[in-house]
């Protein structure tokens, strides 16, 4: 009987210990959970509530269902902003990833002066967005900007480019600013993923006769895939919700050709006092972003299970 009863107190101790550990874990998670609720869940819930009302500044709204979403879809300016947001996001995210990967590989193979070089590469991303947007606005200025002066004085062009006064050039200008700011973040993230890849894998591949190009396709890209997907997901969300660059440089113009969801929601909600419609504009793309994030995270977890 004594032999049978000895394991029971030990099990009780383990159960008590696990309960204490679980309580400690919940206590430690409480502050971050409260912040997530306060900074993410509450604003999202409030935005969803406002999107189904006809709320205006200073006027309490009433429930109108999906009328705001339907009215936005019938609005030509909103459809233009939808097209702009998709084009802006796809072009900039693809170019940032494409240009940042060679930069990360170059930083990875450089042995001397890595620290100062990485600091210089990070400067466009570290500088406040508003400050860099103002600087680029001056660069693209048709009258006082150095870019047009350089192009015309060197004989490359006979006349300056209307960077901010024509839709095509304005779109290219804001895309260029976003790409310039985003490449450092992509490059440093890719560099962190490259550093995490064991060197033994490359040594084994070289012994088997694999060259640099084959090692890149069969080793580097597959092992870098989780980092690549996470960075793409984060950049997609941040790019499609971009506000400062557009607001400072073009304010959505000319002819609404650079309006994104954020700037259009600001114009409709604060300048036009239609808070309900502005909330509906902000939430319009949320289902697509949520589905894309779920798809990418599923691929990342599947890849980790395979590895």
C-alpha atoms as a PDB file:
ATOM      1  CA  UNK A   1       0.000   0.000   0.000  1.00  0.00           C
ATOM      2  CA  UNK A   2       2.812   2.426   0.771  1.00  0.00           C
ATOM      3  CA  UNK A   3       4.374   1.804  -2.621  1.00  0.00           C
ATOM      4  CA  UNK A   4       1.070   2.609  -4.345  1.00  0.00           C
ATOM      5  CA  UNK A   5       0.501   5.787  -2.418  1.00  0.00           C
ATOM      6  CA  UNK A   6       3.957   7.351  -2.878  1.00  0.00           C
ATOM      7  CA  UNK A   7       3.472   8.551  -6.498  1.00  0.00           C
ATOM      8  CA  UNK A   8       0.224  10.354  -5.614  1.00  0.00           C
ATOM      9  CA  UNK A   9       1.782  13.296  -3.703  1.00  0.00           C
ATOM     10  CA  UNK A  10       4.295  13.744  -6.526  1.00  0.00           C
ATOM     11  CA  UNK A  11       1.470  13.994  -9.066  1.00  0.00           C
ATOM     12  CA  UNK A  12      -0.274  16.473  -6.831  1.00  0.00           C
ATOM     13  CA  UNK A  13       2.884  18.549  -6.623  1.00  0.00           C
ATOM     14  CA  UNK A  14       3.277  18.499 -10.400  1.00  0.00           C
ATOM     15  CA  UNK A  15      -0.343  19.560 -10.857  1.00  0.00           C
ATOM     16  CA  UNK A  16       0.075  22.345  -8.341  1.00  0.00           C
ATOM     17  CA  UNK A  17       3.309  23.442 -10.022  1.00  0.00           C
ATOM     18  CA  UNK A  18       1.722  23.474 -13.451  1.00  0.00           C
ATOM     19  CA  UNK A  19      -1.179  25.550 -12.120  1.00  0.00           C
ATOM     20  CA  UNK A  20       1.231  28.033 -10.583  1.00  0.00           C
ATOM     21  CA  UNK A  21       3.189  28.175 -13.826  1.00  0.00           C
ATOM     22  CA  UNK A  22       0.006  28.765 -15.783  1.00  0.00           C
ATOM     23  CA  UNK A  23      -1.057  31.534 -13.423  1.00  0.00           C
ATOM     24  CA  UNK A  24       2.378  33.149 -13.697  1.00  0.00           C
ATOM     25  CA  UNK A  25       2.198  32.982 -17.485  1.00  0.00           C
ATOM     26  CA  UNK A  26      -1.213  34.675 -17.520  1.00  0.00           C
ATOM     27  CA  UNK A  27       0.031  37.372 -15.136  1.00  0.00           C
ATOM     28  CA  UNK A  28       3.005  38.076 -17.386  1.00  0.00           C
ATOM     29  CA  UNK A  29       0.769  38.150 -20.475  1.00  0.00           C
ATOM     30  CA  UNK A  30      -1.754  40.499 -18.869  1.00  0.00           C
ATOM     31  CA  UNK A  31       0.084  43.802 -19.652  1.00  0.00           C
ATOM     32  CA  UNK A  32       0.641  43.001 -23.339  1.00  0.00           C
ATOM     33  CA  UNK A  33      -2.909  41.670 -23.615  1.00  0.00           C
ATOM     34  CA  UNK A  34      -4.254  44.898 -22.156  1.00  0.00           C
ATOM     35  CA  UNK A  35      -2.174  46.924 -24.623  1.00  0.00           C
ATOM     36  CA  UNK A  36      -3.420  44.847 -27.555  1.00  0.00           C
ATOM     37  CA  UNK A  37      -7.004  45.315 -26.453  1.00  0.00           C
ATOM     38  CA  UNK A  38      -6.539  49.040 -25.863  1.00  0.00           C
ATOM     39  CA  UNK A  39      -4.520  49.864 -28.997  1.00  0.00           C
ATOM     40  CA  UNK A  40      -5.856  47.320 -31.524  1.00  0.00           C
ATOM     41  CA  UNK A  41      -9.068  45.592 -30.503  1.00  0.00           C
ATOM     42  CA  UNK A  42     -10.876  48.688 -29.219  1.00  0.00           C
ATOM     43  CA  UNK A  43     -10.020  50.948 -32.205  1.00  0.00           C
ATOM     44  CA  UNK A  44     -10.968  48.171 -34.605  1.00  0.00           C
ATOM     45  CA  UNK A  45     -14.266  47.565 -32.859  1.00  0.00           C
ATOM     46  CA  UNK A  46     -15.003  51.296 -32.768  1.00  0.00           C
ATOM     47  CA  UNK A  47     -14.169  51.605 -36.477  1.00  0.00           C
ATOM     48  CA  UNK A  48     -16.482  48.740 -37.323  1.00  0.00           C
ATOM     49  CA  UNK A  49     -19.268  50.322 -35.260  1.00  0.00           C
ATOM     50  CA  UNK A  50     -18.803  53.695 -36.946  1.00  0.00           C
ATOM     51  CA  UNK A  51     -18.732  52.100 -40.408  1.00  0.00           C
ATOM     52  CA  UNK A  52     -22.321  50.864 -40.034  1.00  0.00           C
ATOM     53  CA  UNK A  53     -23.641  54.246 -38.864  1.00  0.00           C
ATOM     54  CA  UNK A  54     -24.122  57.650 -40.518  1.00  0.00           C
ATOM     55  CA  UNK A  55     -22.032  59.326 -37.830  1.00  0.00           C
ATOM     56  CA  UNK A  56     -20.789  62.839 -38.571  1.00  0.00           C
ATOM     57  CA  UNK A  57     -18.635  65.221 -36.585  1.00  0.00           C
ATOM     58  CA  UNK A  58     -20.763  66.656 -33.793  1.00  0.00           C
ATOM     59  CA  UNK A  59     -23.819  64.630 -34.836  1.00  0.00           C
ATOM     60  CA  UNK A  60     -24.699  61.239 -33.257  1.00  0.00           C
ATOM     61  CA  UNK A  61     -25.278  58.680 -35.972  1.00  0.00           C
ATOM     62  CA  UNK A  62     -27.826  55.912 -36.406  1.00  0.00           C
ATOM     63  CA  UNK A  63     -27.442  52.372 -37.664  1.00  0.00           C
ATOM     64  CA  UNK A  64     -27.585  52.125 -41.475  1.00  0.00           C
ATOM     65  CA  UNK A  65     -26.034  48.702 -42.079  1.00  0.00           C
ATOM     66  CA  UNK A  66     -23.793  48.379 -45.126  1.00  0.00           C
ATOM     67  CA  UNK A  67     -24.947  51.590 -46.796  1.00  0.00           C
ATOM     68  CA  UNK A  68     -21.579  53.269 -46.284  1.00  0.00           C
ATOM     69  CA  UNK A  69     -19.767  50.440 -48.042  1.00  0.00           C
ATOM     70  CA  UNK A  70     -22.251  50.471 -50.921  1.00  0.00           C
ATOM     71  CA  UNK A  71     -22.060  54.251 -51.244  1.00  0.00           C
ATOM     72  CA  UNK A  72     -18.279  54.101 -51.298  1.00  0.00           C
ATOM     73  CA  UNK A  73     -18.314  51.477 -54.037  1.00  0.00           C
ATOM     74  CA  UNK A  74     -20.546  53.709 -56.165  1.00  0.00           C
ATOM     75  CA  UNK A  75     -18.151  56.639 -55.699  1.00  0.00           C
ATOM     76  CA  UNK A  76     -15.663  57.195 -58.543  1.00  0.00           C
ATOM     77  CA  UNK A  77     -13.105  58.715 -56.187  1.00  0.00           C
ATOM     78  CA  UNK A  78     -13.199  55.652 -53.950  1.00  0.00           C
ATOM     79  CA  UNK A  79     -12.753  53.297 -56.901  1.00  0.00           C
ATOM     80  CA  UNK A  80      -9.809  55.426 -58.000  1.00  0.00           C
ATOM     81  CA  UNK A  81      -8.321  55.149 -54.500  1.00  0.00           C
ATOM     82  CA  UNK A  82      -8.854  51.381 -54.574  1.00  0.00           C
ATOM     83  CA  UNK A  83      -6.962  51.121 -57.854  1.00  0.00           C
ATOM     84  CA  UNK A  84      -4.230  53.415 -56.557  1.00  0.00           C
ATOM     85  CA  UNK A  85      -3.839  51.402 -53.346  1.00  0.00           C
ATOM     86  CA  UNK A  86      -3.504  48.084 -55.174  1.00  0.00           C
ATOM     87  CA  UNK A  87      -1.087  49.474 -57.759  1.00  0.00           C
ATOM     88  CA  UNK A  88       0.955  51.331 -55.147  1.00  0.00           C
ATOM     89  CA  UNK A  89       1.220  48.299 -52.877  1.00  0.00           C
ATOM     90  CA  UNK A  90       2.006  45.681 -55.525  1.00  0.00           C
ATOM     91  CA  UNK A  91       4.639  47.733 -57.348  1.00  0.00           C
ATOM     92  CA  UNK A  92       6.455  49.001 -54.276  1.00  0.00           C
ATOM     93  CA  UNK A  93       6.451  45.723 -52.328  1.00  0.00           C
ATOM     94  CA  UNK A  94       7.703  43.718 -55.319  1.00  0.00           C
ATOM     95  CA  UNK A  95      10.451  46.236 -56.116  1.00  0.00           C
ATOM     96  CA  UNK A  96      11.511  46.547 -52.479  1.00  0.00           C
ATOM     97  CA  UNK A  97      11.887  42.782 -52.159  1.00  0.00           C
ATOM     98  CA  UNK A  98      13.635  42.475 -55.530  1.00  0.00           C
ATOM     99  CA  UNK A  99      16.145  45.247 -54.861  1.00  0.00           C
ATOM    100  CA  UNK A 100      16.733  44.455 -51.192  1.00  0.00           C
ATOM    101  CA  UNK A 101      17.742  40.819 -51.676  1.00  0.00           C
ATOM    102  CA  UNK A 102      20.920  41.587 -53.686  1.00  0.00           C
ATOM    103  CA  UNK A 103      21.734  44.339 -51.190  1.00  0.00           C
ATOM    104  CA  UNK A 104      21.379  41.894 -48.301  1.00  0.00           C
ATOM    105  CA  UNK A 105      23.606  39.364 -50.079  1.00  0.00           C
ATOM    106  CA  UNK A 106      26.236  42.065 -50.634  1.00  0.00           C
ATOM    107  CA  UNK A 107      26.123  43.092 -46.969  1.00  0.00           C
ATOM    108  CA  UNK A 108      26.376  39.454 -45.959  1.00  0.00           C
ATOM    109  CA  UNK A 109      29.566  38.835 -47.938  1.00  0.00           C
ATOM    110  CA  UNK A 110      31.299  42.091 -46.987  1.00  0.00           C
ATOM    111  CA  UNK A 111      33.743  41.390 -44.177  1.00  0.00           C
ATOM    112  CA  UNK A 112      35.271  44.793 -43.431  1.00  0.00           C
ATOM    113  CA  UNK A 113      33.332  47.825 -42.293  1.00  0.00           C
ATOM    114  CA  UNK A 114      30.056  45.952 -41.816  1.00  0.00           C
ATOM    115  CA  UNK A 115      28.768  48.046 -38.892  1.00  0.00           C
ATOM    116  CA  UNK A 116      29.103  51.530 -40.466  1.00  0.00           C
ATOM    117  CA  UNK A 117      27.868  50.243 -43.824  1.00  0.00           C
ATOM    118  CA  UNK A 118      24.738  48.752 -42.261  1.00  0.00           C
ATOM    119  CA  UNK A 119      24.145  52.009 -40.382  1.00  0.00           C
ATOM    120  CA  UNK A 120      24.311  53.957 -43.647  1.00  0.00           C
ATOM    121  CA  UNK A 121      21.940  51.505 -45.342  1.00  0.00           C
ATOM    122  CA  UNK A 122      19.419  51.910 -42.505  1.00  0.00           C
ATOM    123  CA  UNK A 123      19.369  55.719 -42.676  1.00  0.00           C
ATOM    124  CA  UNK A 124      16.412  56.065 -45.119  1.00  0.00           C
ATOM    125  CA  UNK A 125      14.286  53.859 -42.866  1.00  0.00           C
ATOM    126  CA  UNK A 126      15.423  55.451 -39.596  1.00  0.00           C
ATOM    127  CA  UNK A 127      14.792  59.045 -40.696  1.00  0.00           C
ATOM    128  CA  UNK A 128      11.248  60.167 -39.732  1.00  0.00           C
ATOM    129  CA  UNK A 129       8.788  59.713 -42.567  1.00  0.00           C
ATOM    130  CA  UNK A 130       7.565  63.294 -42.438  1.00  0.00           C
ATOM    131  CA  UNK A 131      11.101  64.674 -42.687  1.00  0.00           C
ATOM    132  CA  UNK A 132      12.051  62.481 -45.627  1.00  0.00           C
ATOM    133  CA  UNK A 133       8.727  63.220 -47.372  1.00  0.00           C
ATOM    134  CA  UNK A 134       9.358  66.968 -47.101  1.00  0.00           C
ATOM    135  CA  UNK A 135      12.871  66.478 -48.489  1.00  0.00           C
ATOM    136  CA  UNK A 136      11.548  64.486 -51.439  1.00  0.00           C
ATOM    137  CA  UNK A 137       8.803  67.062 -52.025  1.00  0.00           C
ATOM    138  CA  UNK A 138      11.548  69.653 -52.419  1.00  0.00           C
ATOM    139  CA  UNK A 139      13.549  67.334 -54.703  1.00  0.00           C
ATOM    140  CA  UNK A 140      10.529  66.840 -56.984  1.00  0.00           C
ATOM    141  CA  UNK A 141       9.595  70.530 -56.990  1.00  0.00           C
ATOM    142  CA  UNK A 142       9.316  71.686 -60.655  1.00  0.00           C
ATOM    143  CA  UNK A 143      10.624  75.185 -59.879  1.00  0.00           C
ATOM    144  CA  UNK A 144      13.231  74.762 -57.144  1.00  0.00           C
ATOM    145  CA  UNK A 145      13.870  71.014 -57.126  1.00  0.00           C
ATOM    146  CA  UNK A 146      17.411  69.804 -57.825  1.00  0.00           C
ATOM    147  CA  UNK A 147      16.242  66.749 -59.764  1.00  0.00           C
ATOM    148  CA  UNK A 148      14.816  68.656 -62.720  1.00  0.00           C
ATOM    149  CA  UNK A 149      17.760  71.055 -62.643  1.00  0.00           C
ATOM    150  CA  UNK A 150      20.185  68.139 -62.811  1.00  0.00           C
ATOM    151  CA  UNK A 151      18.298  66.475 -65.669  1.00  0.00           C
ATOM    152  CA  UNK A 152      18.064  69.650 -67.743  1.00  0.00           C
ATOM    153  CA  UNK A 153      21.507  71.110 -67.020  1.00  0.00           C
ATOM    154  CA  UNK A 154      23.197  67.827 -67.927  1.00  0.00           C
ATOM    155  CA  UNK A 155      21.405  67.794 -71.273  1.00  0.00           C
ATOM    156  CA  UNK A 156      19.581  64.573 -70.514  1.00  0.00           C
ATOM    157  CA  UNK A 157      16.220  66.346 -70.913  1.00  0.00           C
ATOM    158  CA  UNK A 158      15.255  69.538 -72.688  1.00  0.00           C
ATOM    159  CA  UNK A 159      12.487  70.361 -70.184  1.00  0.00           C
ATOM    160  CA  UNK A 160      11.760  69.420 -66.600  1.00  0.00           C
ATOM    161  CA  UNK A 161       9.409  66.605 -65.665  1.00  0.00           C
ATOM    162  CA  UNK A 162       6.108  67.615 -64.003  1.00  0.00           C
ATOM    163  CA  UNK A 163       6.623  65.209 -61.133  1.00  0.00           C
ATOM    164  CA  UNK A 164       3.757  66.351 -58.928  1.00  0.00           C
ATOM    165  CA  UNK A 165       1.353  67.913 -61.431  1.00  0.00           C
ATOM    166  CA  UNK A 166       0.566  64.975 -63.737  1.00  0.00           C
ATOM    167  CA  UNK A 167      -1.014  61.695 -62.543  1.00  0.00           C
ATOM    168  CA  UNK A 168       1.555  59.314 -64.038  1.00  0.00           C
ATOM    169  CA  UNK A 169       4.580  61.169 -62.747  1.00  0.00           C
ATOM    170  CA  UNK A 170       2.970  61.785 -59.365  1.00  0.00           C
ATOM    171  CA  UNK A 171       2.340  58.068 -58.914  1.00  0.00           C
ATOM    172  CA  UNK A 172       5.918  57.297 -59.870  1.00  0.00           C
ATOM    173  CA  UNK A 173       7.192  59.931 -57.441  1.00  0.00           C
ATOM    174  CA  UNK A 174       5.370  58.622 -54.371  1.00  0.00           C
ATOM    175  CA  UNK A 175       6.261  55.037 -55.299  1.00  0.00           C
ATOM    176  CA  UNK A 176       9.905  56.010 -55.545  1.00  0.00           C
ATOM    177  CA  UNK A 177       9.803  57.575 -52.083  1.00  0.00           C
ATOM    178  CA  UNK A 178       8.190  54.486 -50.579  1.00  0.00           C
ATOM    179  CA  UNK A 179      10.708  52.177 -52.256  1.00  0.00           C
ATOM    180  CA  UNK A 180      13.600  54.336 -51.078  1.00  0.00           C
ATOM    181  CA  UNK A 181      12.322  54.175 -47.499  1.00  0.00           C
ATOM    182  CA  UNK A 182      11.424  50.482 -47.524  1.00  0.00           C
ATOM    183  CA  UNK A 183      14.507  48.873 -49.071  1.00  0.00           C
ATOM    184  CA  UNK A 184      16.637  49.183 -45.872  1.00  0.00           C
ATOM    185  CA  UNK A 185      14.025  47.357 -43.781  1.00  0.00           C
ATOM    186  CA  UNK A 186      13.817  44.552 -46.322  1.00  0.00           C
ATOM    187  CA  UNK A 187      17.597  44.341 -46.646  1.00  0.00           C
ATOM    188  CA  UNK A 188      18.301  44.170 -42.909  1.00  0.00           C
ATOM    189  CA  UNK A 189      15.530  41.600 -42.415  1.00  0.00           C
ATOM    190  CA  UNK A 190      16.908  39.459 -45.227  1.00  0.00           C
ATOM    191  CA  UNK A 191      20.405  39.870 -43.798  1.00  0.00           C
ATOM    192  CA  UNK A 192      19.208  38.545 -40.439  1.00  0.00           C
ATOM    193  CA  UNK A 193      17.729  35.532 -42.223  1.00  0.00           C
ATOM    194  CA  UNK A 194      20.978  34.935 -44.128  1.00  0.00           C
ATOM    195  CA  UNK A 195      23.048  35.067 -40.940  1.00  0.00           C
ATOM    196  CA  UNK A 196      20.759  32.439 -39.363  1.00  0.00           C
ATOM    197  CA  UNK A 197      21.461  29.918 -42.149  1.00  0.00           C
ATOM    198  CA  UNK A 198      24.173  27.468 -40.962  1.00  0.00           C
ATOM    199  CA  UNK A 199      27.431  27.674 -42.888  1.00  0.00           C
ATOM    200  CA  UNK A 200      27.698  23.878 -42.799  1.00  0.00           C
ATOM    201  CA  UNK A 201      24.892  23.648 -45.337  1.00  0.00           C
ATOM    202  CA  UNK A 202      26.827  25.705 -47.888  1.00  0.00           C
ATOM    203  CA  UNK A 203      30.038  23.780 -47.195  1.00  0.00           C
ATOM    204  CA  UNK A 204      28.272  20.469 -47.767  1.00  0.00           C
ATOM    205  CA  UNK A 205      26.765  21.810 -51.000  1.00  0.00           C
ATOM    206  CA  UNK A 206      30.159  22.987 -52.252  1.00  0.00           C
ATOM    207  CA  UNK A 207      31.646  19.568 -51.522  1.00  0.00           C
ATOM    208  CA  UNK A 208      28.862  18.031 -53.616  1.00  0.00           C
ATOM    209  CA  UNK A 209      29.820  20.331 -56.486  1.00  0.00           C
ATOM    210  CA  UNK A 210      27.091  22.963 -56.193  1.00  0.00           C
ATOM    211  CA  UNK A 211      28.031  26.426 -57.439  1.00  0.00           C
ATOM    212  CA  UNK A 212      26.971  29.792 -56.091  1.00  0.00           C
ATOM    213  CA  UNK A 213      23.873  30.073 -58.281  1.00  0.00           C
ATOM    214  CA  UNK A 214      22.673  26.559 -57.472  1.00  0.00           C
ATOM    215  CA  UNK A 215      23.292  27.083 -53.761  1.00  0.00           C
ATOM    216  CA  UNK A 216      21.274  30.294 -53.916  1.00  0.00           C
ATOM    217  CA  UNK A 217      18.241  28.619 -55.512  1.00  0.00           C
ATOM    218  CA  UNK A 218      18.348  25.356 -53.550  1.00  0.00           C
ATOM    219  CA  UNK A 219      19.563  26.559 -50.145  1.00  0.00           C
ATOM    220  CA  UNK A 220      19.333  30.317 -49.647  1.00  0.00           C
ATOM    221  CA  UNK A 221      15.864  30.988 -51.030  1.00  0.00           C
ATOM    222  CA  UNK A 222      14.126  27.975 -49.406  1.00  0.00           C
ATOM    223  CA  UNK A 223      15.655  28.686 -45.988  1.00  0.00           C
ATOM    224  CA  UNK A 224      14.968  32.411 -46.359  1.00  0.00           C
ATOM    225  CA  UNK A 225      11.340  31.816 -47.257  1.00  0.00           C
ATOM    226  CA  UNK A 226       9.857  32.257 -43.713  1.00  0.00           C
ATOM    227  CA  UNK A 227      11.599  35.620 -43.295  1.00  0.00           C
ATOM    228  CA  UNK A 228      10.592  36.633 -46.808  1.00  0.00           C
ATOM    229  CA  UNK A 229       6.916  35.862 -46.209  1.00  0.00           C
ATOM    230  CA  UNK A 230       6.826  37.665 -42.868  1.00  0.00           C
ATOM    231  CA  UNK A 231       8.475  40.780 -44.313  1.00  0.00           C
ATOM    232  CA  UNK A 232       6.164  40.726 -47.337  1.00  0.00           C
ATOM    233  CA  UNK A 233       3.108  40.415 -45.103  1.00  0.00           C
ATOM    234  CA  UNK A 234       4.230  43.257 -42.832  1.00  0.00           C
ATOM    235  CA  UNK A 235       5.203  45.502 -45.733  1.00  0.00           C
ATOM    236  CA  UNK A 236       1.916  44.867 -47.537  1.00  0.00           C
ATOM    237  CA  UNK A 237      -0.107  45.943 -44.510  1.00  0.00           C
ATOM    238  CA  UNK A 238       2.040  49.021 -43.871  1.00  0.00           C
ATOM    239  CA  UNK A 239       2.210  50.056 -47.539  1.00  0.00           C
ATOM    240  CA  UNK A 240      -1.484  49.840 -48.315  1.00  0.00           C
ATOM    241  CA  UNK A 241      -2.189  51.939 -45.211  1.00  0.00           C
ATOM    242  CA  UNK A 242       0.480  54.513 -46.040  1.00  0.00           C
ATOM    243  CA  UNK A 243      -0.518  58.066 -45.172  1.00  0.00           C
ATOM    244  CA  UNK A 244       2.357  60.448 -44.464  1.00  0.00           C
ATOM    245  CA  UNK A 245       4.127  60.217 -47.820  1.00  0.00           C
ATOM    246  CA  UNK A 246       0.956  60.763 -49.831  1.00  0.00           C
ATOM    247  CA  UNK A 247      -0.439  63.478 -47.561  1.00  0.00           C
ATOM    248  CA  UNK A 248       2.757  65.540 -47.449  1.00  0.00           C
ATOM    249  CA  UNK A 249       3.893  65.180 -51.056  1.00  0.00           C
ATOM    250  CA  UNK A 250       0.664  65.170 -53.108  1.00  0.00           C
ATOM    251  CA  UNK A 251      -2.325  65.223 -50.701  1.00  0.00           C
ATOM    252  CA  UNK A 252      -3.949  62.669 -52.989  1.00  0.00           C
ATOM    253  CA  UNK A 253      -3.623  64.746 -56.144  1.00  0.00           C
ATOM    254  CA  UNK A 254      -3.418  65.552 -58.910  1.00  0.00           C
ATOM    255  CA  UNK A 255      -7.002  64.608 -59.815  1.00  0.00           C
ATOM    256  CA  UNK A 256      -7.122  61.985 -57.010  1.00  0.00           C
ATOM    257  CA  UNK A 257      -4.448  59.976 -58.830  1.00  0.00           C
ATOM    258  CA  UNK A 258      -2.426  59.249 -55.669  1.00  0.00           C
ATOM    259  CA  UNK A 259      -5.189  58.890 -53.090  1.00  0.00           C
ATOM    260  CA  UNK A 260      -4.853  55.794 -50.902  1.00  0.00           C
ATOM    261  CA  UNK A 261      -7.324  54.489 -48.333  1.00  0.00           C
ATOM    262  CA  UNK A 262      -5.684  56.461 -45.531  1.00  0.00           C
ATOM    263  CA  UNK A 263      -5.632  59.844 -47.255  1.00  0.00           C
ATOM    264  CA  UNK A 264      -9.123  59.416 -48.687  1.00  0.00           C
ATOM    265  CA  UNK A 265     -10.498  58.421 -45.281  1.00  0.00           C
ATOM    266  CA  UNK A 266      -8.857  61.514 -43.777  1.00  0.00           C
ATOM    267  CA  UNK A 267     -10.377  63.741 -46.444  1.00  0.00           C
ATOM    268  CA  UNK A 268     -13.852  62.233 -46.144  1.00  0.00           C
ATOM    269  CA  UNK A 269     -13.853  61.880 -42.360  1.00  0.00           C
ATOM    270  CA  UNK A 270     -12.144  65.003 -41.056  1.00  0.00           C
ATOM    271  CA  UNK A 271     -12.329  67.452 -43.937  1.00  0.00           C
ATOM    272  CA  UNK A 272     -15.789  66.248 -45.006  1.00  0.00           C
ATOM    273  CA  UNK A 273     -17.013  65.368 -41.473  1.00  0.00           C
ATOM    274  CA  UNK A 274     -18.451  61.996 -42.637  1.00  0.00           C
ATOM    275  CA  UNK A 275     -16.984  59.759 -39.949  1.00  0.00           C
ATOM    276  CA  UNK A 276     -19.092  56.713 -40.870  1.00  0.00           C
ATOM    277  CA  UNK A 277     -18.041  56.702 -44.524  1.00  0.00           C
ATOM    278  CA  UNK A 278     -14.411  57.282 -43.540  1.00  0.00           C
ATOM    279  CA  UNK A 279     -14.484  54.264 -41.234  1.00  0.00           C
ATOM    280  CA  UNK A 280     -15.974  52.165 -44.039  1.00  0.00           C
ATOM    281  CA  UNK A 281     -13.159  53.286 -46.353  1.00  0.00           C
ATOM    282  CA  UNK A 282     -10.548  52.270 -43.790  1.00  0.00           C
ATOM    283  CA  UNK A 283     -12.101  48.831 -43.264  1.00  0.00           C
ATOM    284  CA  UNK A 284     -12.804  48.045 -46.912  1.00  0.00           C
ATOM    285  CA  UNK A 285      -9.541  46.226 -47.556  1.00  0.00           C
ATOM    286  CA  UNK A 286      -9.405  44.472 -44.149  1.00  0.00           C
ATOM    287  CA  UNK A 287     -10.860  41.090 -45.296  1.00  0.00           C
ATOM    288  CA  UNK A 288      -8.304  40.860 -48.101  1.00  0.00           C
ATOM    289  CA  UNK A 289      -5.428  41.692 -45.761  1.00  0.00           C
ATOM    290  CA  UNK A 290      -6.653  39.200 -43.157  1.00  0.00           C
ATOM    291  CA  UNK A 291      -6.935  36.436 -45.761  1.00  0.00           C
ATOM    292  CA  UNK A 292      -3.477  37.234 -47.151  1.00  0.00           C
ATOM    293  CA  UNK A 293      -1.932  37.238 -43.677  1.00  0.00           C
ATOM    294  CA  UNK A 294      -3.589  33.911 -42.849  1.00  0.00           C
ATOM    295  CA  UNK A 295      -2.346  32.373 -46.100  1.00  0.00           C
ATOM    296  CA  UNK A 296       1.234  33.539 -45.511  1.00  0.00           C
ATOM    297  CA  UNK A 297       1.280  32.414 -41.880  1.00  0.00           C
ATOM    298  CA  UNK A 298      -0.103  29.034 -42.884  1.00  0.00           C
ATOM    299  CA  UNK A 299       2.700  28.611 -45.420  1.00  0.00           C
ATOM    300  CA  UNK A 300       5.288  29.621 -42.828  1.00  0.00           C
ATOM    301  CA  UNK A 301       4.009  27.121 -40.280  1.00  0.00           C
ATOM    302  CA  UNK A 302       3.781  24.405 -42.923  1.00  0.00           C
ATOM    303  CA  UNK A 303       7.367  25.110 -43.951  1.00  0.00           C
ATOM    304  CA  UNK A 304       8.565  24.886 -40.338  1.00  0.00           C
ATOM    305  CA  UNK A 305       6.803  21.543 -39.933  1.00  0.00           C
ATOM    306  CA  UNK A 306       8.549  20.217 -43.040  1.00  0.00           C
ATOM    307  CA  UNK A 307      11.939  21.383 -41.796  1.00  0.00           C
END
